[in-house]
PDB file of N, CA and C in Angstrom:
ATOM      1  N   MET A   1    -101.844 -56.192 -31.440  1.00  0.00           N
ATOM      2  CA  MET A   1    -102.926 -55.533 -32.206  1.00  0.00           C
ATOM      3  C   MET A   1    -102.336 -54.636 -33.166  1.00  0.00           C
ATOM      4  N   LEU A   2    -102.958 -54.683 -34.352  1.00  0.00           N
ATOM      5  CA  LEU A   2    -102.409 -53.830 -35.398  1.00  0.00           C
ATOM      6  C   LEU A   2    -102.976 -52.443 -35.343  1.00  0.00           C
ATOM      7  N   THR A   3    -102.207 -51.464 -35.469  1.00  0.00           N
ATOM      8  CA  THR A   3    -102.865 -50.191 -35.415  1.00  0.00           C
ATOM      9  C   THR A   3    -103.017 -49.695 -36.863  1.00  0.00           C
ATOM     10  N   MET A   4    -103.624 -48.588 -37.082  1.00  0.00           N
ATOM     11  CA  MET A   4    -103.949 -48.080 -38.427  1.00  0.00           C
ATOM     12  C   MET A   4    -102.779 -47.793 -39.247  1.00  0.00           C
ATOM     13  N   SER A   5    -101.658 -47.133 -38.611  1.00  0.00           N
ATOM     14  CA  SER A   5    -100.473 -46.828 -39.276  1.00  0.00           C
ATOM     15  C   SER A   5     -99.786 -48.096 -39.738  1.00  0.00           C
ATOM     16  N   THR A   6     -99.726 -49.129 -38.895  1.00  0.00           N
ATOM     17  CA  THR A   6     -99.076 -50.357 -39.270  1.00  0.00           C
ATOM     18  C   THR A   6     -99.856 -50.968 -40.512  1.00  0.00           C
ATOM     19  N   THR A   7    -101.139 -51.035 -40.478  1.00  0.00           N
ATOM     20  CA  THR A   7    -101.911 -51.564 -41.653  1.00  0.00           C
ATOM     21  C   THR A   7    -101.616 -50.692 -42.878  1.00  0.00           C
ATOM     22  N   ALA A   8    -101.644 -49.452 -42.741  1.00  0.00           N
ATOM     23  CA  ALA A   8    -101.438 -48.520 -43.988  1.00  0.00           C
ATOM     24  C   ALA A   8     -99.965 -48.722 -44.461  1.00  0.00           C
ATOM     25  N   ARG A   9     -98.975 -48.932 -43.526  1.00  0.00           N
ATOM     26  CA  ARG A   9     -97.685 -49.026 -43.896  1.00  0.00           C
ATOM     27  C   ARG A   9     -97.431 -50.444 -44.690  1.00  0.00           C
ATOM     28  N   SER A  10     -98.084 -51.404 -44.238  1.00  0.00           N
ATOM     29  CA  SER A  10     -97.884 -52.712 -44.858  1.00  0.00           C
ATOM     30  C   SER A  10     -98.555 -52.720 -46.232  1.00  0.00           C
ATOM     31  N   GLY A  11     -99.765 -51.978 -46.388  1.00  0.00           N
ATOM     32  CA  GLY A  11    -100.379 -51.843 -47.731  1.00  0.00           C
ATOM     33  C   GLY A  11     -99.533 -51.104 -48.658  1.00  0.00           C
ATOM     34  N   GLY A  12     -98.838 -49.988 -48.149  1.00  0.00           N
ATOM     35  CA  GLY A  12     -97.821 -49.274 -49.049  1.00  0.00           C
ATOM     36  C   GLY A  12     -96.684 -50.178 -49.440  1.00  0.00           C
ATOM     37  N   LYS A  13     -96.258 -50.981 -48.409  1.00  0.00           N
ATOM     38  CA  LYS A  13     -95.115 -51.948 -48.839  1.00  0.00           C
ATOM     39  C   LYS A  13     -95.484 -52.847 -49.961  1.00  0.00           C
ATOM     40  N   ARG A  14     -96.676 -53.445 -49.837  1.00  0.00           N
ATOM     41  CA  ARG A  14     -97.093 -54.357 -50.872  1.00  0.00           C
ATOM     42  C   ARG A  14     -97.259 -53.600 -52.116  1.00  0.00           C
ATOM     43  N   THR A  15     -97.915 -52.486 -52.216  1.00  0.00           N
ATOM     44  CA  THR A  15     -98.116 -51.697 -53.460  1.00  0.00           C
ATOM     45  C   THR A  15     -96.731 -51.386 -54.085  1.00  0.00           C
ATOM     46  N   ALA A  16     -95.808 -50.755 -53.215  1.00  0.00           N
ATOM     47  CA  ALA A  16     -94.611 -50.489 -53.765  1.00  0.00           C
ATOM     48  C   ALA A  16     -93.808 -51.759 -54.324  1.00  0.00           C
ATOM     49  N   PHE A  17     -93.950 -52.842 -53.728  1.00  0.00           N
ATOM     50  CA  PHE A  17     -93.412 -54.054 -54.214  1.00  0.00           C
ATOM     51  C   PHE A  17     -93.940 -54.497 -55.592  1.00  0.00           C
ATOM     52  N   VAL A  18     -95.258 -54.435 -55.747  1.00  0.00           N
ATOM     53  CA  VAL A  18     -95.899 -54.885 -57.015  1.00  0.00           C
ATOM     54  C   VAL A  18     -95.481 -53.892 -58.129  1.00  0.00           C
ATOM     55  N   ILE A  19     -95.623 -52.604 -57.811  1.00  0.00           N
ATOM     56  CA  ILE A  19     -95.226 -51.537 -58.808  1.00  0.00           C
ATOM     57  C   ILE A  19     -93.708 -51.673 -59.243  1.00  0.00           C
ATOM     58  N   ASN A  20     -92.919 -51.834 -58.250  1.00  0.00           N
ATOM     59  CA  ASN A  20     -91.394 -52.018 -58.584  1.00  0.00           C
ATOM     60  C   ASN A  20     -91.220 -53.305 -59.523  1.00  0.00           C
ATOM     61  N   VAL A  21     -91.809 -54.325 -59.149  1.00  0.00           N
ATOM     62  CA  VAL A  21     -91.563 -55.556 -59.894  1.00  0.00           C
ATOM     63  C   VAL A  21     -92.128 -55.369 -61.323  1.00  0.00           C
ATOM     64  N   VAL A  22     -93.285 -54.844 -61.514  1.00  0.00           N
ATOM     65  CA  VAL A  22     -93.844 -54.713 -62.822  1.00  0.00           C
ATOM     66  C   VAL A  22     -93.101 -53.727 -63.710  1.00  0.00           C
ATOM     67  N   ILE A  23     -92.714 -52.573 -63.097  1.00  0.00           N
ATOM     68  CA  ILE A  23     -91.920 -51.598 -63.815  1.00  0.00           C
ATOM     69  C   ILE A  23     -90.476 -52.238 -64.286  1.00  0.00           C
ATOM     70  N   HIS A  24     -89.878 -52.866 -63.208  1.00  0.00           N
ATOM     71  CA  HIS A  24     -88.583 -53.400 -63.540  1.00  0.00           C
ATOM     72  C   HIS A  24     -88.497 -54.498 -64.526  1.00  0.00           C
ATOM     73  N   ILE A  25     -89.567 -55.339 -64.458  1.00  0.00           N
ATOM     74  CA  ILE A  25     -89.608 -56.396 -65.531  1.00  0.00           C
ATOM     75  C   ILE A  25     -89.805 -55.769 -66.994  1.00  0.00           C
ATOM     76  N   LEU A  26     -90.686 -54.701 -67.041  1.00  0.00           N
ATOM     77  CA  LEU A  26     -90.785 -54.001 -68.406  1.00  0.00           C
ATOM     78  C   LEU A  26     -89.514 -53.434 -68.795  1.00  0.00           C
ATOM     79  N   TYR A  27     -88.772 -52.847 -67.932  1.00  0.00           N
ATOM     80  CA  TYR A  27     -87.450 -52.310 -68.264  1.00  0.00           C
ATOM     81  C   TYR A  27     -86.532 -53.291 -68.775  1.00  0.00           C
ATOM     82  N   ILE A  28     -86.461 -54.524 -68.110  1.00  0.00           N
ATOM     83  CA  ILE A  28     -85.603 -55.571 -68.462  1.00  0.00           C
ATOM     84  C   ILE A  28     -85.883 -56.172 -69.883  1.00  0.00           C
ATOM     85  N   LEU A  29     -87.334 -56.233 -70.095  1.00  0.00           N
ATOM     86  CA  LEU A  29     -87.746 -56.735 -71.352  1.00  0.00           C
ATOM     87  C   LEU A  29     -87.396 -55.783 -72.507  1.00  0.00           C
ATOM     88  N   LEU A  30     -87.405 -54.547 -72.211  1.00  0.00           N
ATOM     89  CA  LEU A  30     -87.202 -53.476 -73.310  1.00  0.00           C
ATOM     90  C   LEU A  30     -85.645 -53.276 -73.475  1.00  0.00           C
ATOM     91  N   LEU A  31     -84.808 -53.783 -72.674  1.00  0.00           N
ATOM     92  CA  LEU A  31     -83.342 -53.545 -72.866  1.00  0.00           C
ATOM     93  C   LEU A  31     -82.828 -53.982 -74.176  1.00  0.00           C
ATOM     94  N   PRO A  32     -83.295 -55.241 -74.747  1.00  0.00           N
ATOM     95  CA  PRO A  32     -82.709 -55.673 -75.973  1.00  0.00           C
ATOM     96  C   PRO A  32     -83.096 -54.659 -77.127  1.00  0.00           C
ATOM     97  N   ALA A  33     -84.286 -54.072 -77.028  1.00  0.00           N
ATOM     98  CA  ALA A  33     -84.658 -53.125 -78.002  1.00  0.00           C
ATOM     99  C   ALA A  33     -83.802 -51.843 -77.993  1.00  0.00           C
ATOM    100  N   TRP A  34     -83.368 -51.355 -76.777  1.00  0.00           N
ATOM    101  CA  TRP A  34     -82.506 -50.203 -76.773  1.00  0.00           C
ATOM    102  C   TRP A  34     -81.138 -50.472 -77.146  1.00  0.00           C
ATOM    103  N   TYR A  35     -80.628 -51.728 -77.161  1.00  0.00           N
ATOM    104  CA  TYR A  35     -79.304 -52.067 -77.695  1.00  0.00           C
ATOM    105  C   TYR A  35     -79.464 -52.004 -79.263  1.00  0.00           C
ATOM    106  N   PHE A  36     -80.511 -52.453 -79.766  1.00  0.00           N
ATOM    107  CA  PHE A  36     -80.726 -52.307 -81.256  1.00  0.00           C
ATOM    108  C   PHE A  36     -80.750 -50.785 -81.744  1.00  0.00           C
ATOM    109  N   LEU A  37     -81.533 -50.056 -80.975  1.00  0.00           N
ATOM    110  CA  LEU A  37     -81.660 -48.595 -81.193  1.00  0.00           C
ATOM    111  C   LEU A  37     -80.254 -47.928 -81.068  1.00  0.00           C
ATOM    112  N   SER A  38     -79.422 -48.336 -80.107  1.00  0.00           N
ATOM    113  CA  SER A  38     -78.125 -47.679 -79.889  1.00  0.00           C
ATOM    114  C   SER A  38     -77.183 -47.930 -81.144  1.00  0.00           C
ATOM    115  N   MET A  39     -77.409 -49.046 -81.829  1.00  0.00           N
ATOM    116  CA  MET A  39     -76.576 -49.273 -83.009  1.00  0.00           C
ATOM    117  C   MET A  39     -76.784 -48.290 -84.090  1.00  0.00           C
ATOM    118  N   PHE A  40     -78.035 -47.860 -84.241  1.00  0.00           N
ATOM    119  CA  PHE A  40     -78.331 -46.769 -85.229  1.00  0.00           C
ATOM    120  C   PHE A  40     -78.311 -45.431 -84.706  1.00  0.00           C
ATOM    121  N   SER A  41     -78.030 -45.257 -83.512  1.00  0.00           N
ATOM    122  CA  SER A  41     -77.944 -43.820 -82.984  1.00  0.00           C
ATOM    123  C   SER A  41     -76.921 -42.947 -83.664  1.00  0.00           C
ATOM    124  N   VAL A  42     -75.903 -43.405 -84.148  1.00  0.00           N
ATOM    125  CA  VAL A  42     -74.876 -42.636 -84.879  1.00  0.00           C
ATOM    126  C   VAL A  42     -75.574 -41.930 -86.045  1.00  0.00           C
ATOM    127  N   MET A  43     -76.581 -42.490 -86.601  1.00  0.00           N
ATOM    128  CA  MET A  43     -77.297 -41.942 -87.807  1.00  0.00           C
ATOM    129  C   MET A  43     -77.924 -40.599 -87.433  1.00  0.00           C
ATOM    130  N   LEU A  44     -77.972 -40.273 -86.148  1.00  0.00           N
ATOM    131  CA  LEU A  44     -78.572 -38.935 -85.776  1.00  0.00           C
ATOM    132  C   LEU A  44     -77.589 -37.897 -86.194  1.00  0.00           C
ATOM    133  N   PHE A  45     -76.409 -38.126 -86.566  1.00  0.00           N
ATOM    134  CA  PHE A  45     -75.408 -37.087 -86.976  1.00  0.00           C
ATOM    135  C   PHE A  45     -75.101 -37.232 -88.501  1.00  0.00           C
ATOM    136  N   ASP A  46     -76.036 -37.796 -89.305  1.00  0.00           N
ATOM    137  CA  ASP A  46     -75.890 -37.916 -90.737  1.00  0.00           C
ATOM    138  C   ASP A  46     -75.985 -36.561 -91.401  1.00  0.00           C
ATOM    139  N   ALA A  47     -76.900 -35.698 -90.869  1.00  0.00           N
ATOM    140  CA  ALA A  47     -77.098 -34.316 -91.654  1.00  0.00           C
ATOM    141  C   ALA A  47     -75.913 -33.511 -91.335  1.00  0.00           C
ATOM    142  N   PRO A  48     -75.582 -32.597 -92.333  1.00  0.00           N
ATOM    143  CA  PRO A  48     -74.443 -31.668 -92.124  1.00  0.00           C
ATOM    144  C   PRO A  48     -74.773 -30.677 -91.002  1.00  0.00           C
ATOM    145  N   GLY A  49     -73.832 -30.522 -90.019  1.00  0.00           N
ATOM    146  CA  GLY A  49     -74.143 -29.615 -88.980  1.00  0.00           C
ATOM    147  C   GLY A  49     -74.955 -30.086 -87.723  1.00  0.00           C
ATOM    148  N   SER A  50     -75.314 -31.325 -87.877  1.00  0.00           N
ATOM    149  CA  SER A  50     -76.130 -31.975 -86.740  1.00  0.00           C
ATOM    150  C   SER A  50     -75.345 -32.147 -85.474  1.00  0.00           C
ATOM    151  N   GLU A  51     -74.119 -32.316 -85.678  1.00  0.00           N
ATOM    152  CA  GLU A  51     -73.228 -32.547 -84.496  1.00  0.00           C
ATOM    153  C   GLU A  51     -73.039 -31.279 -83.626  1.00  0.00           C
ATOM    154  N   GLN A  52     -73.585 -30.206 -84.102  1.00  0.00           N
ATOM    155  CA  GLN A  52     -73.479 -28.984 -83.356  1.00  0.00           C
ATOM    156  C   GLN A  52     -74.792 -28.690 -82.603  1.00  0.00           C
ATOM    157  N   GLN A  53     -75.812 -29.482 -82.822  1.00  0.00           N
ATOM    158  CA  GLN A  53     -77.069 -29.164 -82.279  1.00  0.00           C
ATOM    159  C   GLN A  53     -77.264 -29.865 -80.921  1.00  0.00           C
ATOM    160  N   TRP A  54     -77.397 -29.181 -79.842  1.00  0.00           N
ATOM    161  CA  TRP A  54     -77.424 -29.701 -78.550  1.00  0.00           C
ATOM    162  C   TRP A  54     -78.569 -30.726 -78.302  1.00  0.00           C
ATOM    163  N   PRO A  55     -79.717 -30.536 -78.843  1.00  0.00           N
ATOM    164  CA  PRO A  55     -80.752 -31.617 -78.556  1.00  0.00           C
ATOM    165  C   PRO A  55     -80.498 -32.885 -79.096  1.00  0.00           C
ATOM    166  N   ILE A  56     -79.714 -32.885 -80.221  1.00  0.00           N
ATOM    167  CA  ILE A  56     -79.297 -34.213 -80.901  1.00  0.00           C
ATOM    168  C   ILE A  56     -78.191 -34.861 -79.924  1.00  0.00           C
ATOM    169  N   LEU A  57     -77.303 -34.034 -79.597  1.00  0.00           N
ATOM    170  CA  LEU A  57     -76.204 -34.572 -78.535  1.00  0.00           C
ATOM    171  C   LEU A  57     -76.792 -35.141 -77.255  1.00  0.00           C
ATOM    172  N   VAL A  58     -77.797 -34.384 -76.693  1.00  0.00           N
ATOM    173  CA  VAL A  58     -78.364 -34.890 -75.455  1.00  0.00           C
ATOM    174  C   VAL A  58     -79.125 -36.168 -75.687  1.00  0.00           C
ATOM    175  N   PHE A  59     -79.964 -36.180 -76.808  1.00  0.00           N
ATOM    176  CA  PHE A  59     -80.621 -37.402 -77.164  1.00  0.00           C
ATOM    177  C   PHE A  59     -79.698 -38.561 -77.311  1.00  0.00           C
ATOM    178  N   TYR A  60     -78.567 -38.353 -77.996  1.00  0.00           N
ATOM    179  CA  TYR A  60     -77.652 -39.348 -78.344  1.00  0.00           C
ATOM    180  C   TYR A  60     -77.056 -39.993 -77.066  1.00  0.00           C
ATOM    181  N   TYR A  61     -76.562 -39.116 -76.180  1.00  0.00           N
ATOM    182  CA  TYR A  61     -76.000 -39.651 -74.790  1.00  0.00           C
ATOM    183  C   TYR A  61     -77.060 -40.251 -73.920  1.00  0.00           C
ATOM    184  N   ALA A  62     -78.265 -39.753 -73.961  1.00  0.00           N
ATOM    185  CA  ALA A  62     -79.271 -40.326 -73.178  1.00  0.00           C
ATOM    186  C   ALA A  62     -79.642 -41.755 -73.620  1.00  0.00           C
ATOM    187  N   LEU A  63     -79.757 -41.730 -75.044  1.00  0.00           N
ATOM    188  CA  LEU A  63     -80.026 -43.144 -75.589  1.00  0.00           C
ATOM    189  C   LEU A  63     -78.992 -44.195 -75.292  1.00  0.00           C
ATOM    190  N   ASN A  64     -77.653 -43.709 -75.409  1.00  0.00           N
ATOM    191  CA  ASN A  64     -76.674 -44.757 -75.043  1.00  0.00           C
ATOM    192  C   ASN A  64     -76.380 -44.978 -73.687  1.00  0.00           C
ATOM    193  N   SER A  65     -76.799 -44.068 -72.796  1.00  0.00           N
ATOM    194  CA  SER A  65     -76.636 -44.406 -71.359  1.00  0.00           C
ATOM    195  C   SER A  65     -77.820 -45.010 -70.776  1.00  0.00           C
ATOM    196  N   TYR A  66     -78.912 -45.173 -71.528  1.00  0.00           N
ATOM    197  CA  TYR A  66     -80.153 -45.699 -71.035  1.00  0.00           C
ATOM    198  C   TYR A  66     -80.031 -47.052 -70.295  1.00  0.00           C
ATOM    199  N   PRO A  67     -79.320 -48.089 -70.868  1.00  0.00           N
ATOM    200  CA  PRO A  67     -79.207 -49.374 -70.040  1.00  0.00           C
ATOM    201  C   PRO A  67     -78.643 -49.166 -68.668  1.00  0.00           C
ATOM    202  N   TYR A  68     -77.654 -48.327 -68.556  1.00  0.00           N
ATOM    203  CA  TYR A  68     -76.960 -48.067 -67.345  1.00  0.00           C
ATOM    204  C   TYR A  68     -77.788 -47.330 -66.326  1.00  0.00           C
ATOM    205  N   THR A  69     -78.633 -46.495 -66.916  1.00  0.00           N
ATOM    206  CA  THR A  69     -79.541 -45.635 -66.089  1.00  0.00           C
ATOM    207  C   THR A  69     -80.681 -46.716 -65.535  1.00  0.00           C
ATOM    208  N   VAL A  70     -81.095 -47.533 -66.370  1.00  0.00           N
ATOM    209  CA  VAL A  70     -82.145 -48.520 -65.983  1.00  0.00           C
ATOM    210  C   VAL A  70     -81.579 -49.328 -64.836  1.00  0.00           C
ATOM    211  N   LEU A  71     -80.384 -49.949 -64.985  1.00  0.00           N
ATOM    212  CA  LEU A  71     -79.776 -50.862 -63.977  1.00  0.00           C
ATOM    213  C   LEU A  71     -79.534 -49.979 -62.689  1.00  0.00           C
ATOM    214  N   GLY A  72     -79.070 -48.802 -62.856  1.00  0.00           N
ATOM    215  CA  GLY A  72     -78.860 -47.982 -61.648  1.00  0.00           C
ATOM    216  C   GLY A  72     -80.196 -47.598 -60.866  1.00  0.00           C
ATOM    217  N   ALA A  73     -81.205 -47.326 -61.684  1.00  0.00           N
ATOM    218  CA  ALA A  73     -82.511 -47.097 -61.102  1.00  0.00           C
ATOM    219  C   ALA A  73     -83.135 -48.278 -60.333  1.00  0.00           C
ATOM    220  N   ILE A  74     -83.018 -49.473 -61.020  1.00  0.00           N
ATOM    221  CA  ILE A  74     -83.460 -50.677 -60.417  1.00  0.00           C
ATOM    222  C   ILE A  74     -82.799 -50.874 -59.113  1.00  0.00           C
ATOM    223  N   ALA A  75     -81.383 -50.853 -59.010  1.00  0.00           N
ATOM    224  CA  ALA A  75     -80.680 -51.092 -57.870  1.00  0.00           C
ATOM    225  C   ALA A  75     -81.029 -50.007 -56.714  1.00  0.00           C
ATOM    226  N   LEU A  76     -81.119 -48.829 -57.150  1.00  0.00           N
ATOM    227  CA  LEU A  76     -81.445 -47.714 -56.169  1.00  0.00           C
ATOM    228  C   LEU A  76     -82.821 -47.879 -55.625  1.00  0.00           C
ATOM    229  N   ALA A  77     -83.776 -48.202 -56.503  1.00  0.00           N
ATOM    230  CA  ALA A  77     -85.183 -48.360 -56.005  1.00  0.00           C
ATOM    231  C   ALA A  77     -85.286 -49.514 -55.015  1.00  0.00           C
ATOM    232  N   TRP A  78     -84.476 -50.622 -55.244  1.00  0.00           N
ATOM    233  CA  TRP A  78     -84.669 -51.696 -54.236  1.00  0.00           C
ATOM    234  C   TRP A  78     -83.884 -51.384 -52.920  1.00  0.00           C
ATOM    235  N   MET A  79     -82.803 -50.641 -53.099  1.00  0.00           N
ATOM    236  CA  MET A  79     -82.195 -50.209 -51.776  1.00  0.00           C
ATOM    237  C   MET A  79     -83.084 -49.304 -51.084  1.00  0.00           C
ATOM    238  N   ILE A  80     -83.799 -48.328 -51.695  1.00  0.00           N
ATOM    239  CA  ILE A  80     -84.750 -47.483 -50.981  1.00  0.00           C
ATOM    240  C   ILE A  80     -85.922 -48.207 -50.380  1.00  0.00           C
ATOM    241  N   TYR A  81     -86.398 -49.237 -51.123  1.00  0.00           N
ATOM    242  CA  TYR A  81     -87.443 -50.097 -50.749  1.00  0.00           C
ATOM    243  C   TYR A  81     -86.981 -50.872 -49.435  1.00  0.00           C
ATOM    244  N   ARG A  82     -85.783 -51.325 -49.410  1.00  0.00           N
ATOM    245  CA  ARG A  82     -85.234 -52.039 -48.308  1.00  0.00           C
ATOM    246  C   ARG A  82     -85.256 -51.206 -47.000  1.00  0.00           C
ATOM    247  N   LYS A  83     -84.960 -49.872 -47.172  1.00  0.00           N
ATOM    248  CA  LYS A  83     -84.891 -49.004 -46.046  1.00  0.00           C
ATOM    249  C   LYS A  83     -86.222 -48.680 -45.558  1.00  0.00           C
ATOM    250  N   GLY A  84     -87.261 -48.933 -46.348  1.00  0.00           N
ATOM    251  CA  GLY A  84     -88.677 -48.639 -45.899  1.00  0.00           C
ATOM    252  C   GLY A  84     -89.193 -47.404 -46.422  1.00  0.00           C
ATOM    253  N   ILE A  85     -88.543 -46.610 -47.195  1.00  0.00           N
ATOM    254  CA  ILE A  85     -89.001 -45.383 -47.788  1.00  0.00           C
ATOM    255  C   ILE A  85     -89.813 -45.755 -48.999  1.00  0.00           C
ATOM    256  N   TYR A  86     -90.956 -46.247 -49.056  1.00  0.00           N
ATOM    257  CA  TYR A  86     -91.662 -46.680 -50.099  1.00  0.00           C
ATOM    258  C   TYR A  86     -92.138 -45.673 -51.126  1.00  0.00           C
ATOM    259  N   LYS A  87     -92.529 -44.513 -50.718  1.00  0.00           N
ATOM    260  CA  LYS A  87     -92.939 -43.468 -51.634  1.00  0.00           C
ATOM    261  C   LYS A  87     -91.867 -42.965 -52.529  1.00  0.00           C
ATOM    262  N   TRP A  88     -90.594 -43.184 -52.156  1.00  0.00           N
ATOM    263  CA  TRP A  88     -89.592 -42.729 -53.048  1.00  0.00           C
ATOM    264  C   TRP A  88     -89.009 -43.753 -54.164  1.00  0.00           C
ATOM    265  N   THR A  89     -89.678 -44.966 -53.966  1.00  0.00           N
ATOM    266  CA  THR A  89     -89.305 -45.934 -54.957  1.00  0.00           C
ATOM    267  C   THR A  89     -89.990 -45.609 -56.333  1.00  0.00           C
ATOM    268  N   TYR A  90     -91.131 -44.963 -56.228  1.00  0.00           N
ATOM    269  CA  TYR A  90     -91.802 -44.670 -57.583  1.00  0.00           C
ATOM    270  C   TYR A  90     -91.035 -43.641 -58.462  1.00  0.00           C
ATOM    271  N   PRO A  91     -90.672 -42.404 -57.992  1.00  0.00           N
ATOM    272  CA  PRO A  91     -89.918 -41.606 -58.826  1.00  0.00           C
ATOM    273  C   PRO A  91     -88.574 -42.117 -59.253  1.00  0.00           C
ATOM    274  N   VAL A  92     -87.847 -42.936 -58.450  1.00  0.00           N
ATOM    275  CA  VAL A  92     -86.703 -43.599 -58.792  1.00  0.00           C
ATOM    276  C   VAL A  92     -86.832 -44.560 -59.927  1.00  0.00           C
ATOM    277  N   SER A  93     -87.920 -45.250 -59.842  1.00  0.00           N
ATOM    278  CA  SER A  93     -88.258 -46.309 -60.856  1.00  0.00           C
ATOM    279  C   SER A  93     -88.646 -45.682 -62.117  1.00  0.00           C
ATOM    280  N   VAL A  94     -89.305 -44.600 -62.141  1.00  0.00           N
ATOM    281  CA  VAL A  94     -89.843 -43.943 -63.399  1.00  0.00           C
ATOM    282  C   VAL A  94     -88.827 -43.013 -64.019  1.00  0.00           C
ATOM    283  N   PHE A  95     -87.644 -42.739 -63.370  1.00  0.00           N
ATOM    284  CA  PHE A  95     -86.562 -41.822 -63.873  1.00  0.00           C
ATOM    285  C   PHE A  95     -86.098 -42.189 -65.199  1.00  0.00           C
ATOM    286  N   PRO A  96     -85.850 -43.384 -65.488  1.00  0.00           N
ATOM    287  CA  PRO A  96     -85.275 -43.704 -66.939  1.00  0.00           C
ATOM    288  C   PRO A  96     -86.342 -43.333 -67.983  1.00  0.00           C
ATOM    289  N   ALA A  97     -87.582 -43.664 -67.686  1.00  0.00           N
ATOM    290  CA  ALA A  97     -88.656 -43.371 -68.731  1.00  0.00           C
ATOM    291  C   ALA A  97     -88.822 -41.743 -68.838  1.00  0.00           C
ATOM    292  N   VAL A  98     -88.620 -41.017 -67.777  1.00  0.00           N
ATOM    293  CA  VAL A  98     -88.658 -39.576 -67.870  1.00  0.00           C
ATOM    294  C   VAL A  98     -87.581 -39.102 -68.803  1.00  0.00           C
ATOM    295  N   ILE A  99     -86.355 -39.608 -68.596  1.00  0.00           N
ATOM    296  CA  ILE A  99     -85.380 -39.120 -69.485  1.00  0.00           C
ATOM    297  C   ILE A  99     -85.642 -39.293 -70.964  1.00  0.00           C
ATOM    298  N   VAL A 100     -86.168 -40.549 -71.329  1.00  0.00           N
ATOM    299  CA  VAL A 100     -86.458 -40.784 -72.702  1.00  0.00           C
ATOM    300  C   VAL A 100     -87.534 -39.876 -73.078  1.00  0.00           C
ATOM    301  N   ILE A 101     -88.572 -39.522 -72.431  1.00  0.00           N
ATOM    302  CA  ILE A 101     -89.697 -38.693 -72.707  1.00  0.00           C
ATOM    303  C   ILE A 101     -89.187 -37.232 -72.944  1.00  0.00           C
ATOM    304  N   VAL A 102     -88.371 -36.720 -72.106  1.00  0.00           N
ATOM    305  CA  VAL A 102     -87.863 -35.337 -72.147  1.00  0.00           C
ATOM    306  C   VAL A 102     -86.926 -35.261 -73.432  1.00  0.00           C
ATOM    307  N   CYS A 103     -86.048 -36.204 -73.629  1.00  0.00           N
ATOM    308  CA  CYS A 103     -85.172 -36.185 -74.821  1.00  0.00           C
ATOM    309  C   CYS A 103     -85.960 -36.261 -76.129  1.00  0.00           C
ATOM    310  N   THR A 104     -86.996 -37.156 -76.143  1.00  0.00           N
ATOM    311  CA  THR A 104     -87.833 -37.243 -77.242  1.00  0.00           C
ATOM    312  C   THR A 104     -88.562 -35.782 -77.535  1.00  0.00           C
ATOM    313  N   ALA A 105     -89.068 -35.193 -76.457  1.00  0.00           N
ATOM    314  CA  ALA A 105     -89.608 -33.946 -76.606  1.00  0.00           C
ATOM    315  C   ALA A 105     -88.643 -32.881 -77.201  1.00  0.00           C
ATOM    316  N   LEU A 106     -87.402 -32.968 -76.696  1.00  0.00           N
ATOM    317  CA  LEU A 106     -86.363 -31.946 -77.236  1.00  0.00           C
ATOM    318  C   LEU A 106     -86.168 -32.217 -78.626  1.00  0.00           C
ATOM    319  N   MET A 107     -86.017 -33.417 -79.045  1.00  0.00           N
ATOM    320  CA  MET A 107     -85.857 -33.730 -80.576  1.00  0.00           C
ATOM    321  C   MET A 107     -86.948 -33.265 -81.256  1.00  0.00           C
ATOM    322  N   ALA A 108     -88.253 -33.527 -80.840  1.00  0.00           N
ATOM    323  CA  ALA A 108     -89.384 -33.045 -81.546  1.00  0.00           C
ATOM    324  C   ALA A 108     -89.546 -31.507 -81.685  1.00  0.00           C
ATOM    325  N   GLY A 109     -89.074 -30.875 -80.577  1.00  0.00           N
ATOM    326  CA  GLY A 109     -89.164 -29.440 -80.526  1.00  0.00           C
ATOM    327  C   GLY A 109     -88.128 -28.642 -81.242  1.00  0.00           C
ATOM    328  N   PHE A 110     -86.862 -29.067 -80.963  1.00  0.00           N
ATOM    329  CA  PHE A 110     -85.772 -28.320 -81.460  1.00  0.00           C
ATOM    330  C   PHE A 110     -85.032 -29.043 -82.650  1.00  0.00           C
ATOM    331  N   GLY A 111     -85.235 -30.331 -82.837  1.00  0.00           N
ATOM    332  CA  GLY A 111     -84.591 -31.001 -84.027  1.00  0.00           C
ATOM    333  C   GLY A 111     -85.162 -30.584 -85.269  1.00  0.00           C
ATOM    334  N   GLU A 112     -84.460 -30.893 -86.281  1.00  0.00           N
ATOM    335  CA  GLU A 112     -84.877 -30.492 -87.612  1.00  0.00           C
ATOM    336  C   GLU A 112     -85.435 -31.751 -88.440  1.00  0.00           C
TER     337      GLU A 112
END
């Protein structure tokens, strides 16, 4: 007989599976766009003195490390999913998007 906790746990497993698959497919589909953007990321340093501004440096390194962050987050999310800790797969899966949002906010706030 199924108990309430078993039913709730299997529902959490299914939800985590669907959300992980959707987020990871979106990340994989967007990776070619990030390679295109990384080709032009050196243009962040065109303005004189821009190599001394830390928001531009952070954005540059975050932009160029994005594909590796995505692949690491995907692998870590599925390892956590396999261990049965479903609620931790969500923040791990969203981590690369948070980095991009924070760096974009830094550029908008502190960049010239």
